[in-house]
PDB file of N, CA and C in Angstrom:
ATOM      1  N   MET A   1      -4.700   8.289 -17.719  1.00  0.00           N
ATOM      2  CA  MET A   1      -4.652   9.365 -16.723  1.00  0.00           C
ATOM      3  C   MET A   1      -3.198   9.918 -16.685  1.00  0.00           C
ATOM      4  N   GLN A   2      -3.095  11.105 -16.297  1.00  0.00           N
ATOM      5  CA  GLN A   2      -1.698  11.802 -16.134  1.00  0.00           C
ATOM      6  C   GLN A   2      -0.761  11.151 -15.010  1.00  0.00           C
ATOM      7  N   PRO A   3       0.415  11.064 -15.393  1.00  0.00           N
ATOM      8  CA  PRO A   3       1.395  10.498 -14.294  1.00  0.00           C
ATOM      9  C   PRO A   3       1.516  11.479 -12.851  1.00  0.00           C
ATOM     10  N   ALA A   4       1.124  12.742 -13.205  1.00  0.00           N
ATOM     11  CA  ALA A   4       0.821  13.441 -11.819  1.00  0.00           C
ATOM     12  C   ALA A   4      -0.267  13.248 -11.361  1.00  0.00           C
ATOM     13  N   THR A   5      -1.439  13.030 -11.686  1.00  0.00           N
ATOM     14  CA  THR A   5      -2.426  12.617 -11.098  1.00  0.00           C
ATOM     15  C   THR A   5      -2.444  11.116 -10.519  1.00  0.00           C
ATOM     16  N   VAL A   6      -1.709  10.313 -10.941  1.00  0.00           N
ATOM     17  CA  VAL A   6      -1.659   8.822 -10.473  1.00  0.00           C
ATOM     18  C   VAL A   6      -0.507   9.152  -9.157  1.00  0.00           C
ATOM     19  N   LEU A   7       0.257  10.064  -9.285  1.00  0.00           N
ATOM     20  CA  LEU A   7       1.291  10.195  -8.083  1.00  0.00           C
ATOM     21  C   LEU A   7       0.485  10.995  -7.008  1.00  0.00           C
ATOM     22  N   ILE A   8      -0.243  11.819  -7.324  1.00  0.00           N
ATOM     23  CA  ILE A   8      -1.130  12.775  -6.298  1.00  0.00           C
ATOM     24  C   ILE A   8      -2.119  11.719  -5.482  1.00  0.00           C
ATOM     25  N   ILE A   9      -2.827  11.028  -6.217  1.00  0.00           N
ATOM     26  CA  ILE A   9      -3.778  10.120  -5.892  1.00  0.00           C
ATOM     27  C   ILE A   9      -3.187   9.020  -4.935  1.00  0.00           C
ATOM     28  N   SER A  10      -1.641   8.281  -5.453  1.00  0.00           N
ATOM     29  CA  SER A  10      -1.379   7.313  -4.578  1.00  0.00           C
ATOM     30  C   SER A  10      -0.660   8.139  -3.107  1.00  0.00           C
ATOM     31  N   VAL A  11      -0.210   9.156  -3.443  1.00  0.00           N
ATOM     32  CA  VAL A  11       0.653   9.995  -2.137  1.00  0.00           C
ATOM     33  C   VAL A  11      -0.759  10.447  -1.240  1.00  0.00           C
ATOM     34  N   GLY A  12      -1.733  10.717  -1.577  1.00  0.00           N
ATOM     35  CA  GLY A  12      -3.187  11.182  -1.013  1.00  0.00           C
ATOM     36  C   GLY A  12      -3.451   9.801  -0.197  1.00  0.00           C
ATOM     37  N   ALA A  13      -3.490   8.675  -0.654  1.00  0.00           N
ATOM     38  CA  ALA A  13      -3.790   7.453  -0.336  1.00  0.00           C
ATOM     39  C   ALA A  13      -2.974   6.990   0.687  1.00  0.00           C
ATOM     40  N   LEU A  14      -1.934   7.283   0.534  1.00  0.00           N
ATOM     41  CA  LEU A  14      -0.691   6.811   1.736  1.00  0.00           C
ATOM     42  C   LEU A  14      -0.715   7.504   3.037  1.00  0.00           C
ATOM     43  N   VAL A  15      -1.193   8.760   2.836  1.00  0.00           N
ATOM     44  CA  VAL A  15      -1.403   9.822   3.843  1.00  0.00           C
ATOM     45  C   VAL A  15      -2.486   9.315   4.566  1.00  0.00           C
ATOM     46  N   VAL A  16      -3.790   9.043   3.777  1.00  0.00           N
ATOM     47  CA  VAL A  16      -4.986   8.779   4.536  1.00  0.00           C
ATOM     48  C   VAL A  16      -4.791   7.352   5.251  1.00  0.00           C
ATOM     49  N   ALA A  17      -4.187   6.379   4.559  1.00  0.00           N
ATOM     50  CA  ALA A  17      -3.965   4.726   5.139  1.00  0.00           C
ATOM     51  C   ALA A  17      -3.251   5.365   6.779  1.00  0.00           C
ATOM     52  N   PHE A  18      -1.885   6.015   6.508  1.00  0.00           N
ATOM     53  CA  PHE A  18      -0.826   6.153   7.514  1.00  0.00           C
ATOM     54  C   PHE A  18      -1.879   6.971   8.493  1.00  0.00           C
ATOM     55  N   THR A  19      -2.572   7.846   8.398  1.00  0.00           N
ATOM     56  CA  THR A  19      -3.424   8.556   9.502  1.00  0.00           C
ATOM     57  C   THR A  19      -4.477   7.527  10.122  1.00  0.00           C
ATOM     58  N   MET A  20      -5.219   6.802   9.407  1.00  0.00           N
ATOM     59  CA  MET A  20      -6.151   6.014   9.985  1.00  0.00           C
ATOM     60  C   MET A  20      -5.234   4.884  10.828  1.00  0.00           C
ATOM     61  N   PHE A  21      -4.214   4.429  10.344  1.00  0.00           N
ATOM     62  CA  PHE A  21      -3.458   3.165  11.033  1.00  0.00           C
ATOM     63  C   PHE A  21      -2.920   3.831  12.535  1.00  0.00           C
ATOM     64  N   ALA A  22      -2.568   5.042  12.394  1.00  0.00           N
ATOM     65  CA  ALA A  22      -2.131   5.867  13.592  1.00  0.00           C
ATOM     66  C   ALA A  22      -3.350   6.224  14.749  1.00  0.00           C
ATOM     67  N   VAL A  23      -4.533   6.469  14.079  1.00  0.00           N
ATOM     68  CA  VAL A  23      -5.652   6.897  14.855  1.00  0.00           C
ATOM     69  C   VAL A  23      -6.189   5.347  15.584  1.00  0.00           C
ATOM     70  N   TYR A  24      -6.178   4.267  14.646  1.00  0.00           N
ATOM     71  CA  TYR A  24      -6.358   2.872  15.030  1.00  0.00           C
ATOM     72  C   TYR A  24      -5.462   2.586  16.291  1.00  0.00           C
ATOM     73  N   THR A  25      -4.139   2.778  16.171  1.00  0.00           N
ATOM     74  CA  THR A  25      -3.335   2.560  17.233  1.00  0.00           C
ATOM     75  C   THR A  25      -3.326   3.124  18.467  1.00  0.00           C
ATOM     76  N   ALA A  26      -3.721   4.404  18.324  1.00  0.00           N
ATOM     77  CA  ALA A  26      -3.690   5.398  19.342  1.00  0.00           C
ATOM     78  C   ALA A  26      -4.932   4.918  20.210  1.00  0.00           C
ATOM     79  N   PHE A  27      -6.150   4.764  19.621  1.00  0.00           N
ATOM     80  CA  PHE A  27      -7.735   4.629  20.446  1.00  0.00           C
ATOM     81  C   PHE A  27      -8.032   3.201  20.200  1.00  0.00           C
ATOM     82  N   GLY A  28      -7.709   2.369  19.094  1.00  0.00           N
ATOM     83  CA  GLY A  28      -7.937   1.228  19.058  1.00  0.00           C
ATOM     84  C   GLY A  28      -7.571   0.164  20.297  1.00  0.00           C
ATOM     85  N   PRO A  29      -8.002  -1.170  20.019  1.00  0.00           N
ATOM     86  CA  PRO A  29      -7.495  -2.131  21.044  1.00  0.00           C
ATOM     87  C   PRO A  29      -5.863  -2.218  21.204  1.00  0.00           C
ATOM     88  N   PRO A  30      -4.996  -1.898  20.131  1.00  0.00           N
ATOM     89  CA  PRO A  30      -3.621  -1.904  20.643  1.00  0.00           C
ATOM     90  C   PRO A  30      -3.376  -0.969  21.693  1.00  0.00           C
ATOM     91  N   ALA A  31      -4.119   0.014  21.741  1.00  0.00           N
ATOM     92  CA  ALA A  31      -3.767   1.235  22.781  1.00  0.00           C
ATOM     93  C   ALA A  31      -3.809   0.754  24.215  1.00  0.00           C
ATOM     94  N   LYS A  32      -4.383  -0.452  24.553  1.00  0.00           N
ATOM     95  CA  LYS A  32      -4.176  -1.058  26.032  1.00  0.00           C
ATOM     96  C   LYS A  32      -2.768  -1.515  26.205  1.00  0.00           C
ATOM     97  N   GLN A  33      -1.847  -1.690  25.298  1.00  0.00           N
ATOM     98  CA  GLN A  33      -0.685  -2.114  25.473  1.00  0.00           C
ATOM     99  C   GLN A  33       0.229  -1.246  25.565  1.00  0.00           C
ATOM    100  N   LEU A  34      -0.300   0.429  25.384  1.00  0.00           N
ATOM    101  CA  LEU A  34       0.662   1.570  25.180  1.00  0.00           C
ATOM    102  C   LEU A  34       1.009   1.922  26.931  1.00  0.00           C
ATOM    103  N   VAL A  35       2.121   2.158  27.042  1.00  0.00           N
ATOM    104  CA  VAL A  35       2.463   2.620  28.396  1.00  0.00           C
ATOM    105  C   VAL A  35       2.848   4.218  28.588  1.00  0.00           C
ATOM    106  N   ASP A  36       2.285   5.112  29.547  1.00  0.00           N
ATOM    107  CA  ASP A  36       2.781   6.294  29.453  1.00  0.00           C
ATOM    108  C   ASP A  36       4.170   6.493  30.121  1.00  0.00           C
ATOM    109  N   PRO A  37       5.035   6.948  29.488  1.00  0.00           N
ATOM    110  CA  PRO A  37       6.501   6.975  30.281  1.00  0.00           C
ATOM    111  C   PRO A  37       6.633   7.807  31.560  1.00  0.00           C
ATOM    112  N   PHE A  38       5.733   9.043  31.336  1.00  0.00           N
ATOM    113  CA  PHE A  38       5.326   9.953  32.535  1.00  0.00           C
ATOM    114  C   PHE A  38       4.852   9.527  33.785  1.00  0.00           C
ATOM    115  N   ASP A  39       3.826   8.652  33.249  1.00  0.00           N
ATOM    116  CA  ASP A  39       3.105   7.899  34.726  1.00  0.00           C
ATOM    117  C   ASP A  39       4.209   7.009  35.496  1.00  0.00           C
ATOM    118  N   GLU A  40       5.069   6.376  34.703  1.00  0.00           N
ATOM    119  CA  GLU A  40       5.976   5.376  35.146  1.00  0.00           C
ATOM    120  C   GLU A  40       7.101   5.802  36.347  1.00  0.00           C
ATOM    121  N   HIS A  41       7.381   7.228  35.912  1.00  0.00           N
ATOM    122  CA  HIS A  41       8.489   8.041  36.512  1.00  0.00           C
ATOM    123  C   HIS A  41       8.219   9.112  37.345  1.00  0.00           C
ATOM    124  N   GLU A  42       6.998   9.129  37.961  1.00  0.00           N
ATOM    125  CA  GLU A  42       6.461  10.029  38.769  1.00  0.00           C
ATOM    126  C   GLU A  42       6.932   9.795  40.093  1.00  0.00           C
ATOM    127  N   ASP A  43       7.388  11.004  41.020  1.00  0.00           N
ATOM    128  CA  ASP A  43       7.762  11.114  42.058  1.00  0.00           C
ATOM    129  C   ASP A  43       6.873  10.787  43.584  1.00  0.00           C
TER     130      ASP A  43
END
């Protein structure tokens, strides 16, 4: 396999993994621990 192909596949896999982790953090079980800073400081 060409080195450029390996690099493209590796970078693509990292982007997909990071995106899936971000979606899991935003909408999965860890989301219950997130706090909205704007709701805390309402007048």
